Amino acid sequence: MKRKMKNKNFAAYSLLEMLAALSIVTIIMVMLSNILIVTIEISRKSFARSSVREEQNNVLSKIEKDIRNARFITECQGVDALASCQVSLDKTYYWTTCNRSGGGFYVCKKNSNKDKILEGMSENIIVNSFSFQEGLSDSEGRKSILITLNVSHKDPDLEIENQVRQILVSTRNYEYK
């Protein structure tokens, strides 16, 4: 009893077809991973840029608030390490620069004796320049103060450099002493 074998077509993939399919999937995966890496890098840079701007705005807003609310303002001038603005609120404070341990400086708020730092910027921010300049005065002798802050991010790979912001603060009805 011999059985006759019928020609049956088995549906299967050959090794060559499997290699071609794997090659196509690998190429697509490499392309998608490159897009993912670029997207993550852009997101990282964007977050860092936002952080730098936010910190820069926060510091300038605090200085502006102190100057506007001050009873007396003295010594509000200077550039970089010599920049200083003495504001008298309930107590006397100084907005000035403080030295970083690794070199450079940052913007900080000190007490009246200038021996204690009350507020300061984060370690990720590098201050390129900082200045107070007297602005125009009105007929009653009230002056405005121009504050300039130029910062960069600590990580040079992020390419966040020379973020400049200036604000002109009106001293309202307070006069320089």
C-alpha atoms as a PDB file:
ATOM      1  CA  MET A   1       0.000   0.000   0.000  1.00  0.00           C
ATOM      2  CA  LYS A   2       1.879   2.783  -1.200  1.00  0.00           C
ATOM      3  CA  ARG A   3       0.380   6.016  -0.893  1.00  0.00           C
ATOM      4  CA  LYS A   4       0.809   8.562  -3.467  1.00  0.00           C
ATOM      5  CA  MET A   5       2.214  11.809  -2.256  1.00  0.00           C
ATOM      6  CA  LYS A   6       0.425  14.682  -3.510  1.00  0.00           C
ATOM      7  CA  ASN A   7       2.206  17.929  -4.249  1.00  0.00           C
ATOM      8  CA  LYS A   8       1.251  20.140  -1.466  1.00  0.00           C
ATOM      9  CA  ASN A   9       2.341  23.753  -1.388  1.00  0.00           C
ATOM     10  CA  PHE A  10       3.351  24.598   2.132  1.00  0.00           C
ATOM     11  CA  ALA A  11       3.102  28.308   2.890  1.00  0.00           C
ATOM     12  CA  ALA A  12       6.361  29.312   4.575  1.00  0.00           C
ATOM     13  CA  TYR A  13       8.944  32.048   4.422  1.00  0.00           C
ATOM     14  CA  SER A  14      12.359  31.392   3.136  1.00  0.00           C
ATOM     15  CA  LEU A  15      15.468  32.510   4.975  1.00  0.00           C
ATOM     16  CA  LEU A  16      16.078  35.176   2.369  1.00  0.00           C
ATOM     17  CA  GLU A  17      12.616  36.672   2.859  1.00  0.00           C
ATOM     18  CA  MET A  18      13.115  36.709   6.637  1.00  0.00           C
ATOM     19  CA  LEU A  19      16.459  38.534   6.283  1.00  0.00           C
ATOM     20  CA  ALA A  20      14.920  41.120   3.951  1.00  0.00           C
ATOM     21  CA  ALA A  21      12.042  41.771   6.370  1.00  0.00           C
ATOM     22  CA  LEU A  22      14.434  42.035   9.311  1.00  0.00           C
ATOM     23  CA  SER A  23      16.619  44.482   7.389  1.00  0.00           C
ATOM     24  CA  ILE A  24      13.647  46.709   6.596  1.00  0.00           C
ATOM     25  CA  VAL A  25      12.462  46.665  10.227  1.00  0.00           C
ATOM     26  CA  THR A  26      16.005  47.476  11.426  1.00  0.00           C
ATOM     27  CA  ILE A  27      16.282  50.473   9.081  1.00  0.00           C
ATOM     28  CA  ILE A  28      12.917  51.804  10.270  1.00  0.00           C
ATOM     29  CA  MET A  29      13.909  51.324  13.932  1.00  0.00           C
ATOM     30  CA  VAL A  30      17.208  53.206  13.414  1.00  0.00           C
ATOM     31  CA  MET A  31      15.359  56.083  11.752  1.00  0.00           C
ATOM     32  CA  LEU A  32      12.809  56.233  14.572  1.00  0.00           C
ATOM     33  CA  SER A  33      15.498  56.098  17.252  1.00  0.00           C
ATOM     34  CA  ASN A  34      17.341  59.009  15.600  1.00  0.00           C
ATOM     35  CA  ILE A  35      14.115  61.030  15.594  1.00  0.00           C
ATOM     36  CA  LEU A  36      13.600  60.152  19.256  1.00  0.00           C
ATOM     37  CA  ILE A  37      17.146  61.210  20.182  1.00  0.00           C
ATOM     38  CA  VAL A  38      16.804  64.533  18.345  1.00  0.00           C
ATOM     39  CA  THR A  39      13.418  65.156  19.975  1.00  0.00           C
ATOM     40  CA  ILE A  40      14.809  64.464  23.454  1.00  0.00           C
ATOM     41  CA  GLU A  41      17.770  66.798  22.827  1.00  0.00           C
ATOM     42  CA  ILE A  42      15.498  69.603  21.615  1.00  0.00           C
ATOM     43  CA  SER A  43      13.260  69.095  24.636  1.00  0.00           C
ATOM     44  CA  ARG A  44      16.259  69.190  26.993  1.00  0.00           C
ATOM     45  CA  LYS A  45      17.552  72.441  25.465  1.00  0.00           C
ATOM     46  CA  SER A  46      14.100  73.997  25.510  1.00  0.00           C
ATOM     47  CA  PHE A  47      13.605  73.108  29.182  1.00  0.00           C
ATOM     48  CA  ALA A  48      17.020  74.527  30.096  1.00  0.00           C
ATOM     49  CA  ARG A  49      16.338  77.745  28.146  1.00  0.00           C
ATOM     50  CA  SER A  50      13.005  78.108  29.946  1.00  0.00           C
ATOM     51  CA  SER A  51      14.691  77.534  33.306  1.00  0.00           C
ATOM     52  CA  VAL A  52      17.322  80.205  32.587  1.00  0.00           C
ATOM     53  CA  ARG A  53      14.696  82.741  31.518  1.00  0.00           C
ATOM     54  CA  GLU A  54      12.477  81.919  34.469  1.00  0.00           C
ATOM     55  CA  GLU A  55      15.290  82.350  36.967  1.00  0.00           C
ATOM     56  CA  GLN A  56      16.403  85.559  35.285  1.00  0.00           C
ATOM     57  CA  ASN A  57      12.840  86.920  35.418  1.00  0.00           C
ATOM     58  CA  ASN A  58      12.379  85.847  39.049  1.00  0.00           C
ATOM     59  CA  VAL A  59      15.514  87.645  40.227  1.00  0.00           C
ATOM     60  CA  LEU A  60      14.688  90.813  38.302  1.00  0.00           C
ATOM     61  CA  SER A  61      11.097  90.750  39.587  1.00  0.00           C
ATOM     62  CA  LYS A  62      12.304  90.506  43.186  1.00  0.00           C
ATOM     63  CA  ILE A  63      14.740  93.381  42.683  1.00  0.00           C
ATOM     64  CA  GLU A  64      12.008  95.437  41.010  1.00  0.00           C
ATOM     65  CA  LYS A  65       9.572  94.731  43.852  1.00  0.00           C
ATOM     66  CA  ASP A  66      12.125  95.743  46.494  1.00  0.00           C
ATOM     67  CA  ILE A  67      13.023  98.962  44.663  1.00  0.00           C
ATOM     68  CA  ARG A  68       9.384  99.950  44.120  1.00  0.00           C
ATOM     69  CA  ASN A  69       8.461  99.256  47.736  1.00  0.00           C
ATOM     70  CA  ALA A  70      11.565 100.873  49.239  1.00  0.00           C
ATOM     71  CA  ARG A  71      11.315 103.823  51.574  1.00  0.00           C
ATOM     72  CA  PHE A  72      14.804 104.930  50.610  1.00  0.00           C
ATOM     73  CA  ILE A  73      17.150 103.886  47.839  1.00  0.00           C
ATOM     74  CA  THR A  74      20.864 104.589  47.962  1.00  0.00           C
ATOM     75  CA  GLU A  75      23.949 103.453  46.115  1.00  0.00           C
ATOM     76  CA  CYS A  76      22.019 101.964  43.215  1.00  0.00           C
ATOM     77  CA  GLN A  77      24.714 101.790  40.567  1.00  0.00           C
ATOM     78  CA  GLY A  78      27.713  99.833  39.347  1.00  0.00           C
ATOM     79  CA  VAL A  79      28.592  97.038  36.986  1.00  0.00           C
ATOM     80  CA  ASP A  80      29.353  93.352  37.647  1.00  0.00           C
ATOM     81  CA  ALA A  81      31.305  92.884  40.896  1.00  0.00           C
ATOM     82  CA  LEU A  82      30.729  96.552  41.806  1.00  0.00           C
ATOM     83  CA  ALA A  83      26.967  96.490  41.160  1.00  0.00           C
ATOM     84  CA  SER A  84      25.035  97.268  44.311  1.00  0.00           C
ATOM     85  CA  CYS A  85      21.664  98.683  45.222  1.00  0.00           C
ATOM     86  CA  GLN A  86      20.802  99.469  48.836  1.00  0.00           C
ATOM     87  CA  VAL A  87      17.065  99.427  49.487  1.00  0.00           C
ATOM     88  CA  SER A  88      15.434 100.251  52.797  1.00  0.00           C
ATOM     89  CA  LEU A  89      12.187  98.422  53.342  1.00  0.00           C
ATOM     90  CA  ASP A  90      11.364  97.320  56.888  1.00  0.00           C
ATOM     91  CA  LYS A  91      15.106  96.657  57.087  1.00  0.00           C
ATOM     92  CA  THR A  92      18.007  97.580  54.847  1.00  0.00           C
ATOM     93  CA  TYR A  93      19.021  95.101  52.152  1.00  0.00           C
ATOM     94  CA  TYR A  94      21.561  95.053  49.363  1.00  0.00           C
ATOM     95  CA  TRP A  95      21.067  93.603  45.911  1.00  0.00           C
ATOM     96  CA  THR A  96      24.569  92.915  44.702  1.00  0.00           C
ATOM     97  CA  THR A  97      26.813  90.173  43.355  1.00  0.00           C
ATOM     98  CA  CYS A  98      28.222  87.240  45.306  1.00  0.00           C
ATOM     99  CA  ASN A  99      31.252  85.161  44.348  1.00  0.00           C
ATOM    100  CA  ARG A 100      30.821  81.519  43.370  1.00  0.00           C
ATOM    101  CA  SER A 101      33.125  78.949  44.886  1.00  0.00           C
ATOM    102  CA  GLY A 102      34.239  77.733  41.439  1.00  0.00           C
ATOM    103  CA  GLY A 103      34.785  81.248  40.093  1.00  0.00           C
ATOM    104  CA  GLY A 104      32.444  83.826  38.643  1.00  0.00           C
ATOM    105  CA  PHE A 105      29.577  85.490  40.445  1.00  0.00           C
ATOM    106  CA  TYR A 106      25.806  85.470  40.804  1.00  0.00           C
ATOM    107  CA  VAL A 107      23.134  87.972  41.812  1.00  0.00           C
ATOM    108  CA  CYS A 108      22.194  87.838  45.472  1.00  0.00           C
ATOM    109  CA  LYS A 109      20.373  89.725  48.208  1.00  0.00           C
ATOM    110  CA  LYS A 110      22.337  90.425  51.398  1.00  0.00           C
ATOM    111  CA  ASN A 111      21.445  91.770  54.803  1.00  0.00           C
ATOM    112  CA  SER A 112      22.438  95.261  55.988  1.00  0.00           C
ATOM    113  CA  ASN A 113      25.868  94.108  57.193  1.00  0.00           C
ATOM    114  CA  LYS A 114      26.513  92.327  53.882  1.00  0.00           C
ATOM    115  CA  ASP A 115      27.617  89.245  55.813  1.00  0.00           C
ATOM    116  CA  LYS A 116      24.609  86.992  55.152  1.00  0.00           C
ATOM    117  CA  ILE A 117      23.113  85.978  51.800  1.00  0.00           C
ATOM    118  CA  LEU A 118      19.316  85.996  51.958  1.00  0.00           C
ATOM    119  CA  GLU A 119      18.537  85.016  48.347  1.00  0.00           C
ATOM    120  CA  GLY A 120      20.555  83.970  45.338  1.00  0.00           C
ATOM    121  CA  MET A 121      20.533  82.352  41.917  1.00  0.00           C
ATOM    122  CA  SER A 122      21.002  78.644  41.228  1.00  0.00           C
ATOM    123  CA  GLU A 123      24.330  77.033  40.378  1.00  0.00           C
ATOM    124  CA  ASN A 124      23.176  76.367  36.791  1.00  0.00           C
ATOM    125  CA  ILE A 125      23.172  80.062  35.909  1.00  0.00           C
ATOM    126  CA  ILE A 126      26.306  81.948  34.921  1.00  0.00           C
ATOM    127  CA  VAL A 127      26.048  85.733  35.155  1.00  0.00           C
ATOM    128  CA  ASN A 128      27.932  87.346  32.279  1.00  0.00           C
ATOM    129  CA  SER A 129      27.126  90.888  33.344  1.00  0.00           C
ATOM    130  CA  PHE A 130      24.923  92.681  35.849  1.00  0.00           C
ATOM    131  CA  SER A 131      24.445  96.406  36.302  1.00  0.00           C
ATOM    132  CA  PHE A 132      22.425  99.157  37.926  1.00  0.00           C
ATOM    133  CA  GLN A 133      22.233 102.515  36.168  1.00  0.00           C
ATOM    134  CA  GLU A 134      20.387 105.625  37.163  1.00  0.00           C
ATOM    135  CA  GLY A 135      17.743 106.502  34.619  1.00  0.00           C
ATOM    136  CA  LEU A 136      15.940 109.713  33.964  1.00  0.00           C
ATOM    137  CA  SER A 137      14.619 111.823  36.808  1.00  0.00           C
ATOM    138  CA  ASP A 138      11.389 113.765  36.895  1.00  0.00           C
ATOM    139  CA  SER A 139      10.931 117.370  37.990  1.00  0.00           C
ATOM    140  CA  GLU A 140      10.673 116.318  41.640  1.00  0.00           C
ATOM    141  CA  GLY A 141      13.967 114.429  41.630  1.00  0.00           C
ATOM    142  CA  ARG A 142      12.547 110.907  41.535  1.00  0.00           C
ATOM    143  CA  LYS A 143      14.722 108.675  39.395  1.00  0.00           C
ATOM    144  CA  SER A 144      14.241 105.466  37.554  1.00  0.00           C
ATOM    145  CA  ILE A 145      16.752 102.633  37.720  1.00  0.00           C
ATOM    146  CA  LEU A 146      17.805 100.562  34.724  1.00  0.00           C
ATOM    147  CA  ILE A 147      18.771  97.012  35.654  1.00  0.00           C
ATOM    148  CA  THR A 148      20.564  94.823  33.110  1.00  0.00           C
ATOM    149  CA  LEU A 149      21.158  91.110  33.616  1.00  0.00           C
ATOM    150  CA  ASN A 150      22.997  88.974  31.041  1.00  0.00           C
ATOM    151  CA  VAL A 151      23.105  85.252  31.866  1.00  0.00           C
ATOM    152  CA  SER A 152      24.057  81.917  30.296  1.00  0.00           C
ATOM    153  CA  HIS A 153      23.560  78.289  31.255  1.00  0.00           C
ATOM    154  CA  LYS A 154      26.388  76.472  33.003  1.00  0.00           C
ATOM    155  CA  ASP A 155      26.335  73.585  30.491  1.00  0.00           C
ATOM    156  CA  PRO A 156      27.953  74.791  27.222  1.00  0.00           C
ATOM    157  CA  ASP A 157      26.433  71.859  25.295  1.00  0.00           C
ATOM    158  CA  LEU A 158      22.998  73.437  25.684  1.00  0.00           C
ATOM    159  CA  GLU A 159      24.136  76.523  23.746  1.00  0.00           C
ATOM    160  CA  ILE A 160      22.188  78.934  25.958  1.00  0.00           C
ATOM    161  CA  GLU A 161      24.297  82.047  26.040  1.00  0.00           C
ATOM    162  CA  ASN A 162      23.800  85.781  26.428  1.00  0.00           C
ATOM    163  CA  GLN A 163      20.198  85.821  27.603  1.00  0.00           C
ATOM    164  CA  VAL A 164      19.875  89.575  28.199  1.00  0.00           C
ATOM    165  CA  ARG A 165      17.007  91.223  30.042  1.00  0.00           C
ATOM    166  CA  GLN A 166      16.658  94.840  31.059  1.00  0.00           C
ATOM    167  CA  ILE A 167      14.010  96.449  33.189  1.00  0.00           C
ATOM    168  CA  LEU A 168      13.458 100.101  33.992  1.00  0.00           C
ATOM    169  CA  VAL A 169      12.105 100.514  37.512  1.00  0.00           C
ATOM    170  CA  SER A 170      10.307 103.664  38.482  1.00  0.00           C
ATOM    171  CA  THR A 171      11.013 104.634  42.069  1.00  0.00           C
ATOM    172  CA  ARG A 172       7.539 106.213  42.207  1.00  0.00           C
ATOM    173  CA  ASN A 173       7.395 108.662  45.048  1.00  0.00           C
ATOM    174  CA  TYR A 174      10.594 107.627  46.757  1.00  0.00           C
ATOM    175  CA  GLU A 175      13.693 109.761  46.525  1.00  0.00           C
ATOM    176  CA  TYR A 176      17.337 108.903  46.660  1.00  0.00           C
ATOM    177  CA  LYS A 177      19.027 109.620  49.963  1.00  0.00           C
END
